[in-house]
Amino acid sequence: MILKLKANFQKLIVENINQLEEENVEMVQSLEEKIYKERKNNLECEKLKKKLNQVNTLFEKKMKSLTDLHNTTIVYAVSLYNKIIVVNPQSPSRLFTNPLPVKWWRGPTKPKGRGHAAAKIKEEWTLSRGWRGPIKEMVRQKKESEENQKDKKGVD
């Protein structure tokens, strides 16, 4: 499923790249025609040349970002309430996602927010979603040690 999503996403990016190239060719051709017509009027010609340079630089920036996205995008299909999350590893923002029920954190150890409350919310969130990470393991060990202490007290 992940590979299918990744293929669809990359196909969409390629379509965007092709569309961008077509639009750029049309704009450049029209600007070059205007420059040719206005070649006798130096002031107007300079303005059009500047605009042509701006169009070309903008096109290069868009192409670079799209090709980077095409090359580096990793698609994760995560089943959280049957929601699909698409992650771009280069930027902290998510590309496409349905809103999650609780805040989404950058990493498994650093919640957004301040102090103990944010960490506590994150711990509850991870436990309720069944995330098998260090927090869940720690809580499990803590429960086991409490049960063992109760057993020892009960025996004495």
N, C-alpha and C. Protein backbone atom coordinates (compact mmCIF):
# COMPACT_ATOMS: atom_id res chain seq x y z
N MET A 1 0.83 -1.20 0.00
CA MET A 1 0.00 0.00 0.00
C MET A 1 0.87 1.26 0.00
N ILE A 2 1.95 1.22 0.81
CA ILE A 2 2.84 2.38 0.90
C ILE A 2 3.47 2.66 -0.46
N LEU A 3 3.91 1.59 -1.14
CA LEU A 3 4.53 1.77 -2.46
C LEU A 3 3.54 2.34 -3.46
N LYS A 4 2.28 1.89 -3.37
CA LYS A 4 1.25 2.40 -4.28
C LYS A 4 1.03 3.89 -4.03
N LEU A 5 0.95 4.27 -2.75
CA LEU A 5 0.77 5.68 -2.40
C LEU A 5 1.94 6.52 -2.91
N LYS A 6 3.16 5.98 -2.70
CA LYS A 6 4.36 6.71 -3.12
C LYS A 6 4.36 6.90 -4.64
N ALA A 7 3.98 5.84 -5.37
CA ALA A 7 3.95 5.92 -6.84
C ALA A 7 2.92 6.96 -7.30
N ASN A 8 1.74 6.94 -6.68
CA ASN A 8 0.70 7.91 -7.05
C ASN A 8 1.16 9.33 -6.77
N PHE A 9 1.80 9.52 -5.62
CA PHE A 9 2.26 10.85 -5.23
C PHE A 9 3.33 11.34 -6.19
N GLN A 10 4.27 10.46 -6.57
CA GLN A 10 5.33 10.87 -7.49
C GLN A 10 4.76 11.14 -8.88
N LYS A 11 3.73 10.39 -9.29
CA LYS A 11 3.09 10.63 -10.58
C LYS A 11 2.45 12.02 -10.58
N LEU A 12 1.82 12.39 -9.46
CA LEU A 12 1.21 13.70 -9.32
C LEU A 12 2.25 14.81 -9.43
N ILE A 13 3.41 14.59 -8.82
CA ILE A 13 4.49 15.59 -8.88
C ILE A 13 5.00 15.74 -10.31
N VAL A 14 5.15 14.62 -11.02
CA VAL A 14 5.62 14.67 -12.41
C VAL A 14 4.62 15.44 -13.27
N GLU A 15 3.31 15.22 -13.05
CA GLU A 15 2.30 15.97 -13.79
C GLU A 15 2.43 17.47 -13.53
N ASN A 16 2.67 17.83 -12.24
CA ASN A 16 2.85 19.25 -11.91
C ASN A 16 4.06 19.83 -12.61
N ILE A 17 5.14 19.06 -12.67
CA ILE A 17 6.37 19.53 -13.33
C ILE A 17 6.09 19.77 -14.81
N ASN A 18 5.40 18.84 -15.47
CA ASN A 18 5.09 19.00 -16.90
C ASN A 18 4.22 20.23 -17.14
N GLN A 19 3.21 20.41 -16.30
CA GLN A 19 2.32 21.57 -16.43
C GLN A 19 3.10 22.87 -16.25
N LEU A 20 4.00 22.89 -15.26
CA LEU A 20 4.81 24.08 -14.99
C LEU A 20 5.69 24.41 -16.19
N GLU A 21 6.29 23.38 -16.80
CA GLU A 21 7.14 23.60 -17.98
C GLU A 21 6.34 24.19 -19.13
N GLU A 22 5.13 23.66 -19.38
CA GLU A 22 4.29 24.17 -20.47
C GLU A 22 3.94 25.64 -20.25
N GLU A 23 3.52 25.98 -19.01
CA GLU A 23 3.17 27.37 -18.70
C GLU A 23 4.37 28.29 -18.89
N ASN A 24 5.54 27.83 -18.46
CA ASN A 24 6.74 28.66 -18.58
C ASN A 24 7.09 28.92 -20.04
N VAL A 25 6.98 27.89 -20.88
CA VAL A 25 7.30 28.06 -22.30
C VAL A 25 6.39 29.11 -22.93
N GLU A 26 5.09 29.04 -22.59
CA GLU A 26 4.14 30.03 -23.15
C GLU A 26 4.49 31.44 -22.70
N MET A 27 4.79 31.61 -21.40
CA MET A 27 5.09 32.94 -20.87
C MET A 27 6.37 33.51 -21.49
N VAL A 28 7.38 32.65 -21.60
CA VAL A 28 8.66 33.10 -22.17
C VAL A 28 8.49 33.51 -23.63
N GLN A 29 7.74 32.71 -24.38
CA GLN A 29 7.52 33.05 -25.80
C GLN A 29 6.80 34.38 -25.94
N SER A 30 5.76 34.60 -25.14
CA SER A 30 5.02 35.86 -25.25
C SER A 30 5.90 37.05 -24.86
N LEU A 31 6.72 36.89 -23.83
CA LEU A 31 7.62 37.97 -23.42
C LEU A 31 8.67 38.26 -24.49
N GLU A 32 9.21 37.20 -25.10
CA GLU A 32 10.21 37.41 -26.15
C GLU A 32 9.61 38.13 -27.36
N GLU A 33 8.36 37.79 -27.69
CA GLU A 33 7.69 38.49 -28.80
C GLU A 33 7.52 39.97 -28.48
N LYS A 34 7.11 40.28 -27.22
CA LYS A 34 6.94 41.67 -26.82
C LYS A 34 8.27 42.42 -26.87
N ILE A 35 9.33 41.75 -26.42
CA ILE A 35 10.66 42.37 -26.45
C ILE A 35 11.06 42.68 -27.90
N TYR A 36 10.78 41.75 -28.80
CA TYR A 36 11.12 41.95 -30.22
C TYR A 36 10.35 43.15 -30.79
N LYS A 37 9.05 43.26 -30.42
CA LYS A 37 8.25 44.38 -30.92
C LYS A 37 8.72 45.71 -30.36
N GLU A 38 9.14 45.70 -29.09
CA GLU A 38 9.52 46.95 -28.41
C GLU A 38 11.04 47.20 -28.47
N ARG A 39 11.75 46.56 -29.37
CA ARG A 39 13.22 46.66 -29.39
C ARG A 39 13.72 48.08 -29.64
N LYS A 40 12.89 48.91 -30.28
CA LYS A 40 13.30 50.29 -30.55
C LYS A 40 13.12 51.18 -29.32
N ASN A 41 12.16 50.83 -28.47
CA ASN A 41 11.90 51.59 -27.25
C ASN A 41 12.73 50.97 -26.11
N ASN A 42 13.89 51.57 -25.81
CA ASN A 42 14.84 50.98 -24.84
C ASN A 42 14.26 50.79 -23.45
N LEU A 43 13.54 51.79 -22.95
CA LEU A 43 13.02 51.74 -21.59
C LEU A 43 12.05 50.57 -21.41
N GLU A 44 11.11 50.47 -22.35
CA GLU A 44 10.13 49.38 -22.30
C GLU A 44 10.81 48.02 -22.48
N CYS A 45 11.80 47.99 -23.34
CA CYS A 45 12.53 46.76 -23.62
C CYS A 45 13.25 46.27 -22.35
N GLU A 46 13.86 47.19 -21.61
CA GLU A 46 14.56 46.83 -20.37
C GLU A 46 13.59 46.26 -19.33
N LYS A 47 12.42 46.88 -19.22
CA LYS A 47 11.41 46.39 -18.27
C LYS A 47 10.99 44.96 -18.62
N LEU A 48 10.78 44.72 -19.90
CA LEU A 48 10.37 43.38 -20.34
C LEU A 48 11.48 42.35 -20.11
N LYS A 49 12.73 42.77 -20.31
CA LYS A 49 13.85 41.85 -20.07
C LYS A 49 13.95 41.49 -18.59
N LYS A 50 13.72 42.50 -17.72
CA LYS A 50 13.72 42.23 -16.28
C LYS A 50 12.63 41.24 -15.91
N LYS A 51 11.45 41.45 -16.49
CA LYS A 51 10.33 40.56 -16.22
C LYS A 51 10.65 39.14 -16.69
N LEU A 52 11.29 39.03 -17.84
CA LEU A 52 11.68 37.72 -18.37
C LEU A 52 12.65 37.02 -17.41
N ASN A 53 13.62 37.78 -16.89
CA ASN A 53 14.55 37.20 -15.91
C ASN A 53 13.82 36.73 -14.66
N GLN A 54 12.85 37.54 -14.19
CA GLN A 54 12.08 37.15 -13.01
C GLN A 54 11.31 35.87 -13.26
N VAL A 55 10.69 35.78 -14.42
CA VAL A 55 9.92 34.58 -14.78
C VAL A 55 10.84 33.36 -14.79
N ASN A 56 12.03 33.52 -15.37
CA ASN A 56 12.96 32.38 -15.44
C ASN A 56 13.45 31.95 -14.06
N THR A 57 13.77 32.93 -13.19
CA THR A 57 14.24 32.56 -11.84
C THR A 57 13.14 31.90 -11.04
N LEU A 58 11.91 32.41 -11.16
CA LEU A 58 10.78 31.81 -10.46
C LEU A 58 10.55 30.37 -10.92
N PHE A 59 10.64 30.19 -12.25
CA PHE A 59 10.47 28.84 -12.81
C PHE A 59 11.54 27.89 -12.27
N GLU A 60 12.79 28.36 -12.22
CA GLU A 60 13.87 27.51 -11.71
C GLU A 60 13.65 27.14 -10.26
N LYS A 61 13.19 28.10 -9.44
CA LYS A 61 12.93 27.81 -8.02
C LYS A 61 11.83 26.76 -7.88
N LYS A 62 10.72 26.96 -8.63
CA LYS A 62 9.61 26.01 -8.54
C LYS A 62 10.05 24.62 -8.99
N MET A 63 10.81 24.56 -10.09
CA MET A 63 11.28 23.27 -10.60
C MET A 63 12.17 22.58 -9.57
N LYS A 64 13.06 23.35 -8.95
CA LYS A 64 13.98 22.77 -7.97
C LYS A 64 13.20 22.19 -6.79
N SER A 65 12.22 22.96 -6.30
CA SER A 65 11.45 22.46 -5.16
C SER A 65 10.65 21.21 -5.53
N LEU A 66 10.07 21.21 -6.73
CA LEU A 66 9.29 20.03 -7.16
C LEU A 66 10.18 18.81 -7.36
N THR A 67 11.35 19.00 -7.97
CA THR A 67 12.23 17.85 -8.19
C THR A 67 12.79 17.33 -6.86
N ASP A 68 13.10 18.26 -5.93
CA ASP A 68 13.55 17.83 -4.60
C ASP A 68 12.47 17.01 -3.92
N LEU A 69 11.23 17.50 -4.03
CA LEU A 69 10.10 16.80 -3.43
C LEU A 69 9.95 15.42 -4.05
N HIS A 70 10.10 15.36 -5.38
CA HIS A 70 9.97 14.08 -6.09
C HIS A 70 11.05 13.10 -5.64
N ASN A 71 12.26 13.62 -5.41
CA ASN A 71 13.37 12.73 -5.07
C ASN A 71 13.39 12.31 -3.61
N THR A 72 12.88 13.17 -2.72
CA THR A 72 13.07 12.88 -1.29
C THR A 72 11.81 12.56 -0.52
N THR A 73 10.67 12.63 -1.17
CA THR A 73 9.44 12.41 -0.41
C THR A 73 9.27 10.95 -0.07
N ILE A 74 9.01 10.72 1.19
CA ILE A 74 8.73 9.37 1.65
C ILE A 74 7.27 9.36 2.09
N VAL A 75 6.56 8.36 1.66
CA VAL A 75 5.15 8.31 1.99
C VAL A 75 4.93 7.22 3.03
N TYR A 76 4.42 7.63 4.16
CA TYR A 76 4.08 6.66 5.21
C TYR A 76 2.57 6.54 5.28
N ALA A 77 2.08 5.34 5.22
CA ALA A 77 0.65 5.14 5.44
C ALA A 77 0.50 4.66 6.88
N VAL A 78 -0.04 5.51 7.72
CA VAL A 78 -0.17 5.17 9.12
C VAL A 78 -1.64 5.02 9.44
N SER A 79 -1.98 3.92 10.05
CA SER A 79 -3.38 3.70 10.38
C SER A 79 -3.66 4.26 11.77
N LEU A 80 -4.03 5.54 11.83
CA LEU A 80 -4.47 6.17 13.07
C LEU A 80 -5.91 6.56 12.83
N TYR A 81 -6.81 5.83 13.36
CA TYR A 81 -8.22 6.05 13.06
C TYR A 81 -8.46 6.05 11.55
N ASN A 82 -7.78 5.19 10.85
CA ASN A 82 -7.87 5.07 9.39
C ASN A 82 -7.54 6.38 8.67
N LYS A 83 -6.60 7.11 9.20
CA LYS A 83 -6.18 8.36 8.55
C LYS A 83 -4.85 8.12 7.86
N ILE A 84 -4.61 8.79 6.75
CA ILE A 84 -3.37 8.62 6.00
C ILE A 84 -2.53 9.88 6.16
N ILE A 85 -1.27 9.70 6.52
CA ILE A 85 -0.36 10.82 6.70
C ILE A 85 0.73 10.72 5.66
N VAL A 86 1.02 11.82 4.97
CA VAL A 86 2.10 11.86 4.00
C VAL A 86 3.16 12.79 4.55
N VAL A 87 4.38 12.29 4.67
CA VAL A 87 5.42 13.06 5.35
C VAL A 87 6.52 13.43 4.37
N ASN A 88 6.93 14.68 4.39
CA ASN A 88 8.12 15.12 3.67
C ASN A 88 9.24 15.26 4.69
N PRO A 89 10.29 14.44 4.62
CA PRO A 89 11.31 14.46 5.66
C PRO A 89 12.10 15.76 5.72
N GLN A 90 12.10 16.57 4.66
CA GLN A 90 12.92 17.78 4.67
C GLN A 90 12.25 18.94 5.38
N SER A 91 10.93 18.93 5.49
CA SER A 91 10.28 20.06 6.15
C SER A 91 9.47 19.57 7.34
N PRO A 92 9.39 20.38 8.39
CA PRO A 92 8.65 19.96 9.56
C PRO A 92 7.15 19.92 9.33
N SER A 93 6.67 20.66 8.34
CA SER A 93 5.22 20.67 8.11
C SER A 93 4.81 19.45 7.31
N ARG A 94 3.60 18.98 7.57
CA ARG A 94 3.10 17.84 6.81
C ARG A 94 2.49 18.32 5.51
N LEU A 95 2.57 17.50 4.48
CA LEU A 95 2.01 17.88 3.18
C LEU A 95 0.50 17.69 3.17
N PHE A 96 0.07 16.45 3.31
CA PHE A 96 -1.35 16.17 3.33
C PHE A 96 -1.64 15.34 4.57
N THR A 97 -2.64 15.73 5.30
CA THR A 97 -3.03 14.89 6.43
C THR A 97 -4.43 15.27 6.87
N ASN A 98 -5.11 14.33 7.43
CA ASN A 98 -6.36 14.65 8.11
C ASN A 98 -5.98 15.07 9.52
N PRO A 99 -6.75 15.95 10.15
CA PRO A 99 -6.36 16.39 11.48
C PRO A 99 -6.34 15.25 12.47
N LEU A 100 -5.31 15.17 13.27
CA LEU A 100 -5.18 14.10 14.25
C LEU A 100 -5.96 14.48 15.50
N PRO A 101 -6.39 13.49 16.29
CA PRO A 101 -7.18 13.80 17.47
C PRO A 101 -6.41 14.58 18.54
N VAL A 102 -5.11 14.37 18.62
CA VAL A 102 -4.28 15.05 19.61
C VAL A 102 -3.13 15.72 18.85
N LYS A 103 -2.43 16.66 19.49
CA LYS A 103 -1.30 17.32 18.83
C LYS A 103 -0.32 16.29 18.30
N TRP A 104 0.33 16.62 17.20
CA TRP A 104 1.33 15.73 16.60
C TRP A 104 2.72 16.28 16.92
N TRP A 105 3.61 15.41 17.47
CA TRP A 105 4.92 15.90 17.87
C TRP A 105 5.98 15.58 16.84
N ARG A 106 7.07 16.37 16.86
CA ARG A 106 8.13 16.18 15.88
C ARG A 106 8.81 14.83 16.06
N GLY A 107 9.07 14.47 17.28
CA GLY A 107 9.79 13.23 17.51
C GLY A 107 9.20 12.48 18.68
N PRO A 108 9.69 11.27 18.93
CA PRO A 108 9.11 10.47 20.01
C PRO A 108 9.43 11.00 21.40
N THR A 109 10.44 11.88 21.54
CA THR A 109 10.82 12.32 22.88
C THR A 109 10.56 13.78 23.15
N LYS A 110 10.32 14.60 22.13
CA LYS A 110 10.21 16.04 22.35
C LYS A 110 8.82 16.54 21.99
N PRO A 111 7.93 16.67 22.98
CA PRO A 111 6.61 17.20 22.67
C PRO A 111 6.64 18.71 22.49
N LYS A 112 5.70 19.23 21.69
CA LYS A 112 5.55 20.68 21.60
C LYS A 112 4.85 21.12 22.87
N GLY A 113 5.20 22.26 23.38
CA GLY A 113 4.57 22.74 24.61
C GLY A 113 5.61 22.87 25.69
N ARG A 114 5.18 23.29 26.85
CA ARG A 114 6.14 23.56 27.92
C ARG A 114 5.89 22.65 29.10
N GLY A 115 6.98 22.20 29.69
CA GLY A 115 6.96 21.58 31.00
C GLY A 115 6.33 20.22 31.09
N HIS A 116 5.92 19.92 32.31
CA HIS A 116 5.48 18.59 32.68
C HIS A 116 4.16 18.22 32.00
N ALA A 117 3.27 19.22 31.87
CA ALA A 117 1.95 18.93 31.33
C ALA A 117 2.02 18.36 29.92
N ALA A 118 2.88 18.96 29.08
CA ALA A 118 3.00 18.49 27.70
C ALA A 118 3.53 17.07 27.66
N ALA A 119 4.52 16.79 28.52
CA ALA A 119 5.08 15.44 28.56
C ALA A 119 4.03 14.44 29.03
N LYS A 120 3.23 14.84 30.02
CA LYS A 120 2.19 13.95 30.54
C LYS A 120 1.13 13.67 29.47
N ILE A 121 0.72 14.73 28.74
CA ILE A 121 -0.25 14.53 27.65
C ILE A 121 0.33 13.58 26.62
N LYS A 122 1.61 13.76 26.28
CA LYS A 122 2.23 12.92 25.27
C LYS A 122 2.29 11.48 25.74
N GLU A 123 2.61 11.29 27.02
CA GLU A 123 2.69 9.93 27.55
C GLU A 123 1.33 9.25 27.46
N GLU A 124 0.28 9.97 27.86
CA GLU A 124 -1.07 9.40 27.76
C GLU A 124 -1.43 9.11 26.31
N TRP A 125 -1.06 10.03 25.41
CA TRP A 125 -1.38 9.86 23.99
C TRP A 125 -0.71 8.60 23.44
N THR A 126 0.58 8.45 23.77
CA THR A 126 1.30 7.30 23.22
C THR A 126 0.77 6.00 23.80
N LEU A 127 0.43 6.01 25.08
CA LEU A 127 -0.08 4.79 25.69
C LEU A 127 -1.46 4.42 25.13
N SER A 128 -2.32 5.43 24.97
CA SER A 128 -3.66 5.13 24.49
C SER A 128 -3.65 4.66 23.04
N ARG A 129 -2.65 5.06 22.25
CA ARG A 129 -2.57 4.63 20.86
C ARG A 129 -1.78 3.33 20.70
N GLY A 130 -1.23 2.83 21.79
CA GLY A 130 -0.52 1.56 21.73
C GLY A 130 0.86 1.67 21.12
N TRP A 131 1.50 2.83 21.27
CA TRP A 131 2.85 2.98 20.72
C TRP A 131 3.83 2.20 21.57
N ARG A 132 4.60 1.31 20.98
CA ARG A 132 5.52 0.49 21.75
C ARG A 132 6.89 1.15 21.79
N GLY A 133 6.99 2.14 22.61
CA GLY A 133 8.25 2.86 22.72
C GLY A 133 8.78 2.79 24.14
N PRO A 134 9.80 3.58 24.44
CA PRO A 134 10.42 3.53 25.76
C PRO A 134 9.46 3.91 26.89
N ILE A 135 8.51 4.80 26.61
CA ILE A 135 7.57 5.22 27.67
C ILE A 135 6.69 4.05 28.07
N LYS A 136 6.17 3.34 27.07
CA LYS A 136 5.27 2.22 27.36
C LYS A 136 6.03 1.13 28.12
N GLU A 137 7.25 0.88 27.69
CA GLU A 137 8.08 -0.13 28.36
C GLU A 137 8.34 0.28 29.81
N MET A 138 8.63 1.54 30.02
CA MET A 138 8.90 2.05 31.36
C MET A 138 7.66 1.89 32.25
N VAL A 139 6.50 2.23 31.73
CA VAL A 139 5.26 2.11 32.49
C VAL A 139 4.97 0.65 32.83
N ARG A 140 5.24 -0.23 31.85
CA ARG A 140 5.00 -1.66 32.10
C ARG A 140 5.89 -2.17 33.22
N GLN A 141 7.17 -1.78 33.19
CA GLN A 141 8.09 -2.20 34.24
C GLN A 141 7.67 -1.65 35.60
N LYS A 142 7.21 -0.41 35.62
CA LYS A 142 6.76 0.22 36.85
C LYS A 142 5.57 -0.54 37.45
N LYS A 143 4.61 -0.92 36.59
CA LYS A 143 3.44 -1.67 37.06
C LYS A 143 3.86 -3.03 37.62
N GLU A 144 4.79 -3.69 36.92
CA GLU A 144 5.27 -4.99 37.39
C GLU A 144 5.94 -4.87 38.76
N SER A 145 6.77 -3.84 38.93
CA SER A 145 7.45 -3.66 40.22
C SER A 145 6.45 -3.35 41.33
N GLU A 146 5.39 -2.57 41.04
CA GLU A 146 4.36 -2.30 42.04
C GLU A 146 3.62 -3.57 42.43
N GLU A 147 3.31 -4.41 41.43
CA GLU A 147 2.63 -5.68 41.71
C GLU A 147 3.51 -6.59 42.57
N ASN A 148 4.81 -6.61 42.25
CA ASN A 148 5.74 -7.43 43.03
C ASN A 148 5.81 -6.95 44.47
N GLN A 149 5.81 -5.62 44.68
CA GLN A 149 5.84 -5.08 46.04
C GLN A 149 4.58 -5.44 46.81
N LYS A 150 3.41 -5.37 46.11
CA LYS A 150 2.15 -5.76 46.76
C LYS A 150 2.18 -7.23 47.17
N ASP A 151 2.72 -8.07 46.28
CA ASP A 151 2.82 -9.50 46.58
C ASP A 151 3.71 -9.73 47.80
N LYS A 152 4.84 -9.02 47.86
CA LYS A 152 5.76 -9.17 48.99
C LYS A 152 5.11 -8.73 50.29
N LYS A 153 4.37 -7.61 50.24
CA LYS A 153 3.68 -7.11 51.44
C LYS A 153 2.59 -8.08 51.86
N GLY A 154 1.90 -8.65 50.87
CA GLY A 154 0.83 -9.62 51.15
C GLY A 154 1.38 -10.87 51.80
N VAL A 155 2.59 -11.31 51.44
CA VAL A 155 3.21 -12.52 52.01
C VAL A 155 3.65 -12.25 53.45
N ASP A 156 4.22 -11.06 53.67
CA ASP A 156 4.68 -10.73 55.03
C ASP A 156 3.49 -10.60 55.92
